[in-house]
Amino acid sequence: MIRVYDSINKKFLLQLSGHDGGVFALKYVHDGILVSGSTDRTVRIWDIKRGCCTHVFKGHDSTVGCFDILEYKNTKYIVSGSRDNTLHVWKLPEESSTTDHQAEHYYPLVFHTPEENPYFVGILRGHSAPIRAVSGHGNIVISASYDSTLIVWDIAQMKCLYILNGHTDRVYAAIYDHERKRCISAGMDSTIRIWDLENIRNNGECSNTTNCASPCTKVLESMYALQGHTALVGSLKLSDKFLVSAAADGTIRVWDTSDYSRKFSYNHTDFSSITALCVSDNILASGSESQFNIHNLRSGQLVHSNILEDADQIWSVKFRGNTLVAAVERDGQNLLEILDFN
C-alpha cells in the first residue's frame, strides 16, 4: 500500500492500492505524480489528484528495488534497477488530458511486455548481481550492484561509459554528484569512495573493455577512499557543504564536500545500525533502534535526542522547513510521526 498525507494540515488523504508485493521504491515527481517499484516486479505510475494508478510497466524478472527519474532534452525518464541484474529505461508518460470520469474507464494502462509498451526505451545489461542503487542527472545514470562494481551509463546512447572497480564487497549506496561531475559510493567493505567522472584518469589506472558488446572504460581504482567506519556503510546523503555517511556500526561521519576531510563524527549510544538519515547544510537527523538524534551541522552539537524515545525503530526521516516526518515502529505498529518545530 501507498498512503498519502497532507503534511501542512497534518491529515491522511488517501491510500493507493494495486501492487501485489511490498513497495521498495517510491518517488514524488511533480504535480501529484508518483512512481513506485515493488517486489511484484512492476513499475507503477500514480496520480494523487485522481487517486488512481495510471500506468503499470512490466518487464523486470525480479524485485524493482530502486530507480531514479532523469530529465534530458525536456523528456523525463524512469531508470529502474532490479534484483534481475538489469536496468530498464522508460519514458515517464506525460499528463493525460483524460477527465476524471473517463479515467475510471481507461486506467490503469497495463503493459505486460516491454515490446508493447510505447514508453519503453531499452534495457541496460552489464551487472552480474542485483542492483542496489540508481542515481542520475541529465543523460547520465550510475548503478551500484552487489557485484562490487558501479557502472556509469549514457541513456541518450543507451550504452556503458565506465565500469568503476575498487570496492571489495557489495555496493549499497551511490550518488551522482552532477555539479562536481563525481560519483560517491559506499558499501559492505566499510569504505566511501569518490570517483572523478570529468577526468576519468584522475582515479588511477584504466583499461579498455566491453560491456554488452559495446566498448567502455574499466576504472581500476577510485580517486579517494574515505576510511573510518568499521561495518557496512548503507546510507549516503549529500548537501552543498556536506557528505554524510551512516553505517551499521552505529556511527555517522560528516565530510566536507570541498576536500572530503572529516568534519564531525557521531555515535548512536546503543551502536545499532543507522536506519534513517536526512541532511541539509544546517541540520542532520538520524535514527536507529530506539534512538533518534538531531544535530546542528553549523556547530556540530547535538540539539535533540529524546523526541521519539518511545519508538522501537526509526525507519525513515524527512524534513522540510520546520516540519519533520518520521516513519517509526512502536508496539508492533508502523506509524508516521509528523513533528512541527514552530
Protein backbone atom coordinates (compact mmCIF):
# COMPACT_ATOMS: atom_id res chain seq x y z
CA MET A 1 0.00 0.00 0.00
CA ILE A 2 0.98 3.62 -0.56
CA ARG A 3 -0.50 6.13 1.84
CA VAL A 4 -0.60 9.87 1.12
CA TYR A 5 -0.73 12.54 3.83
CA ASP A 6 -1.08 16.31 3.90
CA SER A 7 1.94 17.44 5.94
CA ILE A 8 0.68 21.03 6.28
CA ASN A 9 -2.77 20.20 7.66
CA LYS A 10 -1.46 17.03 9.34
CA LYS A 11 -4.06 14.66 7.94
CA PHE A 12 -4.36 11.43 5.97
CA LEU A 13 -5.53 11.95 2.38
CA LEU A 14 -5.80 8.62 0.57
CA GLN A 15 -4.49 5.11 0.15
CA LEU A 16 -3.24 3.81 -3.21
CA SER A 17 -3.56 0.07 -3.74
CA GLY A 18 -2.57 -2.05 -6.72
CA HIS A 19 0.86 -3.53 -6.07
CA ASP A 20 0.84 -7.25 -5.27
CA GLY A 21 4.00 -7.05 -3.19
CA GLY A 22 5.96 -4.73 -0.92
CA VAL A 23 6.73 -1.25 -2.24
CA PHE A 24 10.51 -0.89 -2.09
CA ALA A 25 10.99 2.33 -4.07
CA LEU A 26 8.85 5.46 -4.18
CA LYS A 27 9.40 8.92 -5.62
CA TYR A 28 7.23 12.01 -5.99
CA VAL A 29 7.80 13.52 -9.44
CA HIS A 30 5.69 16.64 -9.86
CA ASP A 31 2.12 17.90 -9.76
CA GLY A 32 0.72 14.92 -7.89
CA ILE A 33 2.51 12.22 -9.91
CA LEU A 34 4.19 9.33 -8.05
CA VAL A 35 6.36 6.47 -9.33
CA SER A 36 6.79 3.23 -7.37
CA GLY A 37 8.70 -0.04 -7.65
CA SER A 38 7.77 -3.30 -5.97
CA THR A 39 8.57 -6.92 -5.22
CA ASP A 40 5.79 -7.71 -7.74
CA ARG A 41 8.38 -6.78 -10.44
CA THR A 42 6.42 -3.78 -11.77
CA VAL A 43 6.92 -0.05 -12.01
CA ARG A 44 3.69 1.86 -11.39
CA ILE A 45 2.77 5.49 -12.02
CA TRP A 46 0.11 7.09 -9.83
CA ASP A 47 -1.93 10.29 -9.99
CA ILE A 48 -2.68 11.53 -6.47
CA LYS A 49 -5.24 14.06 -7.72
CA ARG A 50 -7.24 11.31 -9.40
CA GLY A 51 -6.47 8.86 -6.63
CA CYS A 52 -5.52 6.07 -9.00
CA CYS A 53 -2.76 4.17 -10.77
CA THR A 54 -2.45 5.38 -14.37
CA HIS A 55 0.24 3.07 -15.81
CA VAL A 56 1.76 -0.33 -14.99
CA PHE A 57 5.11 -1.20 -16.59
CA LYS A 58 6.09 -4.89 -16.64
CA GLY A 59 9.37 -6.29 -17.89
CA HIS A 60 11.66 -6.90 -14.94
CA ASP A 61 12.07 -10.53 -13.86
CA SER A 62 12.52 -9.76 -10.16
CA THR A 63 12.01 -7.09 -7.49
CA VAL A 64 12.27 -3.45 -8.57
CA GLY A 65 14.14 -2.11 -5.56
CA CYS A 66 15.45 1.24 -6.76
CA PHE A 67 15.06 3.81 -9.51
CA ASP A 68 15.75 7.42 -10.36
CA ILE A 69 13.97 9.94 -12.55
CA LEU A 70 16.07 11.96 -15.01
CA GLU A 71 15.19 14.79 -17.35
CA TYR A 72 17.04 15.09 -20.65
CA LYS A 73 16.04 17.34 -23.56
CA ASN A 74 12.63 18.08 -22.00
CA THR A 75 11.75 14.39 -21.57
CA LYS A 76 11.61 12.66 -18.19
CA TYR A 77 12.92 9.11 -17.90
CA ILE A 78 12.49 6.44 -15.24
CA VAL A 79 15.59 4.27 -14.83
CA SER A 80 14.67 1.26 -12.70
CA GLY A 81 17.12 -1.16 -11.08
CA SER A 82 16.21 -4.72 -10.16
CA ARG A 83 17.34 -7.91 -8.50
CA ASP A 84 17.34 -9.36 -12.04
CA ASN A 85 20.72 -7.55 -12.53
CA THR A 86 19.34 -5.15 -15.19
CA LEU A 87 18.24 -1.56 -15.51
CA HIS A 88 15.17 -0.70 -17.58
CA VAL A 89 14.73 2.76 -19.07
CA TRP A 90 11.20 4.11 -19.60
CA LYS A 91 9.81 7.47 -20.63
CA LEU A 92 7.61 8.98 -17.95
CA PRO A 93 4.15 9.40 -19.51
CA GLU A 94 3.06 13.00 -19.91
CA GLU A 95 -0.03 14.02 -18.01
CA SER A 96 -3.12 12.91 -19.85
CA SER A 97 -5.99 15.22 -20.74
CA THR A 98 -8.42 12.43 -19.86
CA THR A 99 -11.10 13.70 -17.47
CA ASP A 100 -11.62 12.21 -14.02
CA HIS A 101 -14.78 10.46 -15.21
CA GLN A 102 -13.03 8.98 -18.24
CA ALA A 103 -10.06 7.93 -16.11
CA GLU A 104 -12.22 5.41 -14.28
CA HIS A 105 -12.65 3.52 -17.56
CA TYR A 106 -9.14 3.85 -19.01
CA TYR A 107 -6.80 3.49 -16.03
CA PRO A 108 -4.58 1.80 -15.29
CA LEU A 109 -2.96 1.19 -18.66
CA VAL A 110 -1.15 -2.13 -18.18
CA PHE A 111 1.76 -3.01 -20.47
CA HIS A 112 2.54 -6.69 -19.99
CA THR A 113 5.75 -6.69 -22.07
CA PRO A 114 8.31 -4.03 -23.00
CA GLU A 115 7.62 -4.72 -26.68
CA GLU A 116 4.03 -3.49 -26.40
CA ASN A 117 4.94 -0.50 -24.20
CA PRO A 118 5.30 2.80 -26.14
CA TYR A 119 7.17 4.30 -23.15
CA PHE A 120 9.86 1.60 -23.07
CA VAL A 121 13.31 2.78 -24.19
CA GLY A 122 15.59 -0.19 -23.54
CA ILE A 123 17.49 -2.45 -21.15
CA LEU A 124 20.96 -1.78 -19.74
CA ARG A 125 22.84 -5.01 -19.06
CA GLY A 126 26.27 -5.37 -17.51
CA HIS A 127 25.93 -6.19 -13.82
CA SER A 128 26.27 -9.78 -12.66
CA ALA A 129 24.34 -9.39 -9.40
CA PRO A 130 21.30 -7.44 -8.11
CA ILE A 131 21.28 -3.65 -8.46
CA ARG A 132 21.01 -1.88 -5.11
CA ALA A 133 21.06 1.85 -6.01
CA VAL A 134 20.47 4.11 -9.02
CA SER A 135 21.40 7.81 -9.21
CA GLY A 136 21.44 10.11 -12.21
CA HIS A 137 21.04 13.54 -13.77
CA GLY A 138 20.51 14.56 -17.38
CA ASN A 139 21.58 11.68 -19.61
CA ILE A 140 24.00 10.14 -17.08
CA VAL A 141 22.95 7.46 -14.62
CA ILE A 142 25.01 5.40 -12.18
CA SER A 143 24.06 1.96 -10.91
CA ALA A 144 25.51 0.25 -7.84
CA SER A 145 25.43 -3.51 -7.53
CA TYR A 146 26.09 -6.41 -5.22
CA ASP A 147 28.74 -7.48 -7.78
CA SER A 148 31.06 -4.86 -6.09
CA THR A 149 31.03 -2.53 -9.12
CA LEU A 150 29.34 0.64 -10.25
CA ILE A 151 28.53 1.33 -13.89
CA VAL A 152 28.15 4.79 -15.44
CA TRP A 153 25.65 4.80 -18.32
CA ASP A 154 24.62 7.26 -21.01
CA ILE A 155 20.87 6.78 -21.53
CA ALA A 156 20.87 9.01 -24.62
CA GLN A 157 23.06 6.42 -26.37
CA MET A 158 21.94 3.50 -24.15
CA LYS A 159 25.50 2.41 -23.52
CA CYS A 160 28.06 1.89 -20.79
CA LEU A 161 30.67 4.61 -20.34
CA TYR A 162 32.66 3.41 -17.32
CA ILE A 163 32.85 0.38 -15.04
CA LEU A 164 34.09 1.50 -11.62
CA ASN A 165 36.12 -1.10 -9.71
CA GLY A 166 37.63 -0.64 -6.26
CA HIS A 167 35.08 -1.81 -3.75
CA THR A 168 35.88 -5.27 -2.42
CA ASP A 169 32.33 -6.21 -1.42
CA ARG A 170 28.70 -5.35 -2.20
CA VAL A 171 27.94 -1.72 -3.05
CA TYR A 172 24.86 -0.45 -1.21
CA ALA A 173 24.76 3.30 -1.93
CA ALA A 174 25.63 5.62 -4.81
CA ILE A 175 25.18 9.32 -5.51
CA TYR A 176 25.86 11.08 -8.80
CA ASP A 177 27.19 14.50 -7.78
CA HIS A 178 26.49 16.08 -11.16
CA GLU A 179 27.67 19.56 -10.14
CA ARG A 180 31.15 18.27 -9.38
CA LYS A 181 30.99 15.50 -12.02
CA ARG A 182 31.72 12.86 -9.41
CA CYS A 183 30.31 9.57 -8.21
CA ILE A 184 30.17 8.79 -4.48
CA SER A 185 29.65 5.20 -3.36
CA ALA A 186 29.70 3.06 -0.23
CA GLY A 187 29.03 -0.50 0.80
CA MET A 188 29.86 -3.66 2.66
CA ASP A 189 33.64 -3.07 2.65
CA SER A 190 33.04 -0.10 5.07
CA THR A 191 34.65 2.46 2.73
CA ILE A 192 33.25 5.52 0.96
CA ARG A 193 34.75 6.03 -2.48
CA ILE A 194 34.91 9.18 -4.63
CA TRP A 195 35.25 8.86 -8.41
CA ASP A 196 36.17 11.68 -10.81
CA LEU A 197 33.94 11.35 -13.88
CA GLU A 198 35.12 14.54 -15.58
CA ASN A 199 38.72 13.34 -15.94
CA ILE A 200 38.42 9.59 -15.55
CA ARG A 201 42.20 9.06 -15.37
CA ASN A 202 42.37 11.08 -12.14
CA ASN A 203 41.16 7.89 -10.48
CA GLY A 204 44.23 5.93 -11.48
CA GLU A 205 44.77 3.00 -13.82
CA CYS A 206 42.18 2.40 -16.56
CA SER A 207 41.76 -0.24 -19.24
CA ASN A 208 39.51 -0.79 -22.24
CA THR A 209 36.82 -3.45 -22.04
CA THR A 210 33.43 -4.27 -23.49
CA ASN A 211 30.04 -4.20 -21.82
CA CYS A 212 27.03 -5.69 -23.58
CA ALA A 213 29.05 -5.74 -26.83
CA SER A 214 29.97 -2.02 -26.68
CA PRO A 215 33.40 -0.65 -25.75
CA CYS A 216 33.78 1.17 -22.44
CA THR A 217 36.46 2.09 -19.89
CA LYS A 218 37.20 -0.04 -16.85
CA VAL A 219 38.42 2.09 -13.94
CA LEU A 220 40.52 0.05 -11.53
CA GLU A 221 40.65 2.42 -8.54
CA SER A 222 38.80 5.42 -7.06
CA MET A 223 40.21 8.93 -6.65
CA TYR A 224 39.62 8.85 -2.87
CA ALA A 225 38.76 6.12 -0.37
CA LEU A 226 37.37 7.53 2.89
CA GLN A 227 38.09 5.33 5.90
CA GLY A 228 36.79 5.17 9.44
CA HIS A 229 33.62 3.09 9.51
CA THR A 230 34.02 -0.49 10.71
CA ALA A 231 30.89 -2.05 9.17
CA LEU A 232 28.52 -1.78 6.21
CA VAL A 233 28.00 1.81 5.07
CA GLY A 234 24.40 1.61 3.92
CA SER A 235 23.43 5.25 3.51
CA LEU A 236 24.94 8.36 1.92
CA LYS A 237 23.43 11.85 1.85
CA LEU A 238 24.79 14.93 0.07
CA SER A 239 24.16 18.64 0.62
CA ASP A 240 26.08 21.59 -0.82
CA LYS A 241 28.54 21.63 2.06
CA PHE A 242 28.48 18.11 3.48
CA LEU A 243 28.66 14.46 2.55
CA VAL A 244 27.18 12.30 5.31
CA SER A 245 27.75 8.56 5.67
CA ALA A 246 25.89 6.25 8.06
CA ALA A 247 26.90 2.70 8.92
CA ALA A 248 25.80 -0.48 10.65
CA ASP A 249 28.42 0.18 13.35
CA GLY A 250 26.15 2.91 14.77
CA THR A 251 28.36 5.77 13.58
CA ILE A 252 27.74 8.75 11.33
CA ARG A 253 30.55 10.68 9.69
CA VAL A 254 30.26 14.13 8.16
CA TRP A 255 32.72 15.06 5.41
CA ASP A 256 33.47 18.42 3.76
CA THR A 257 32.46 18.24 0.07
CA SER A 258 35.28 20.59 -0.96
CA ASP A 259 38.17 18.29 0.05
CA TYR A 260 36.44 15.27 1.72
CA SER A 261 38.11 15.97 5.05
CA ARG A 262 36.17 14.72 8.06
CA LYS A 263 34.27 17.45 9.92
CA PHE A 264 32.27 15.56 12.55
CA SER A 265 31.74 12.03 13.82
CA TYR A 266 28.71 10.90 15.84
CA ASN A 267 27.90 7.65 17.63
CA HIS A 268 24.44 6.38 18.46
CA THR A 269 24.82 5.30 22.08
CA ASP A 270 23.50 1.78 21.50
CA PHE A 271 25.76 1.30 18.44
CA SER A 272 22.80 -0.10 16.49
CA SER A 273 22.67 0.21 12.71
CA ILE A 274 21.66 3.64 11.39
CA THR A 275 18.38 3.07 9.54
CA ALA A 276 17.22 6.65 8.88
CA LEU A 277 19.14 9.70 7.70
CA CYS A 278 18.23 13.17 6.44
CA VAL A 279 20.63 16.06 5.84
CA SER A 280 20.73 19.75 4.91
CA ASP A 281 23.57 22.25 5.18
CA ASN A 282 22.41 23.05 8.71
CA ILE A 283 20.69 20.01 10.18
CA LEU A 284 21.36 16.26 10.42
CA ALA A 285 18.59 13.92 11.60
CA SER A 286 19.38 10.24 12.20
CA GLY A 287 17.51 7.26 13.55
CA SER A 288 18.28 3.73 14.71
CA GLU A 289 16.77 1.19 17.06
CA SER A 290 15.26 3.16 19.97
CA GLN A 291 17.24 6.33 19.23
CA PHE A 292 16.60 9.49 17.21
CA ASN A 293 19.07 12.40 17.11
CA ILE A 294 19.13 15.85 15.57
CA HIS A 295 22.49 17.62 15.18
CA ASN A 296 23.27 21.21 14.24
CA LEU A 297 25.90 20.92 11.50
CA ARG A 298 26.97 24.55 11.86
CA SER A 299 28.24 23.85 15.37
CA GLY A 300 28.41 20.06 15.37
CA GLN A 301 26.31 19.99 18.54
CA LEU A 302 23.51 17.59 19.46
CA VAL A 303 20.20 19.51 19.52
CA HIS A 304 17.63 16.78 20.31
CA SER A 305 17.98 13.16 21.39
CA ASN A 306 14.75 12.25 23.17
CA ILE A 307 11.94 13.27 20.79
CA LEU A 308 10.96 9.75 19.70
CA GLU A 309 12.25 7.87 22.73
CA ASP A 310 9.18 5.60 22.88
CA ALA A 311 9.74 4.34 19.30
CA ASP A 312 11.16 0.82 18.93
CA GLN A 313 12.65 1.52 15.49
CA ILE A 314 13.11 4.57 13.25
CA TRP A 315 12.78 3.51 9.61
CA SER A 316 12.85 6.77 7.68
CA VAL A 317 13.01 10.51 8.28
CA LYS A 318 12.46 13.60 6.13
CA PHE A 319 12.30 17.28 6.96
CA ARG A 320 11.37 20.46 5.14
CA GLY A 321 11.34 23.84 6.83
CA ASN A 322 10.01 23.41 10.37
CA THR A 323 8.23 20.12 9.69
CA LEU A 324 9.85 16.74 10.26
CA VAL A 325 8.26 13.42 9.33
CA ALA A 326 9.45 10.07 10.69
CA ALA A 327 8.31 6.53 9.89
CA VAL A 328 8.56 4.55 13.12
CA GLU A 329 7.68 1.20 14.64
CA ARG A 330 6.07 1.25 18.07
CA ASP A 331 4.47 -1.67 19.94
CA GLY A 332 4.32 -3.73 16.75
CA GLN A 333 2.64 -0.95 14.73
CA ASN A 334 4.08 1.10 11.89
CA LEU A 335 3.29 4.78 12.33
CA LEU A 336 4.03 8.11 10.69
CA GLU A 337 5.08 10.84 13.12
CA ILE A 338 4.70 14.45 11.94
CA LEU A 339 6.65 16.87 14.14
CA ASP A 340 6.21 20.64 13.97
CA PHE A 341 9.15 22.70 15.25
CA ASN A 342 7.36 26.04 15.00
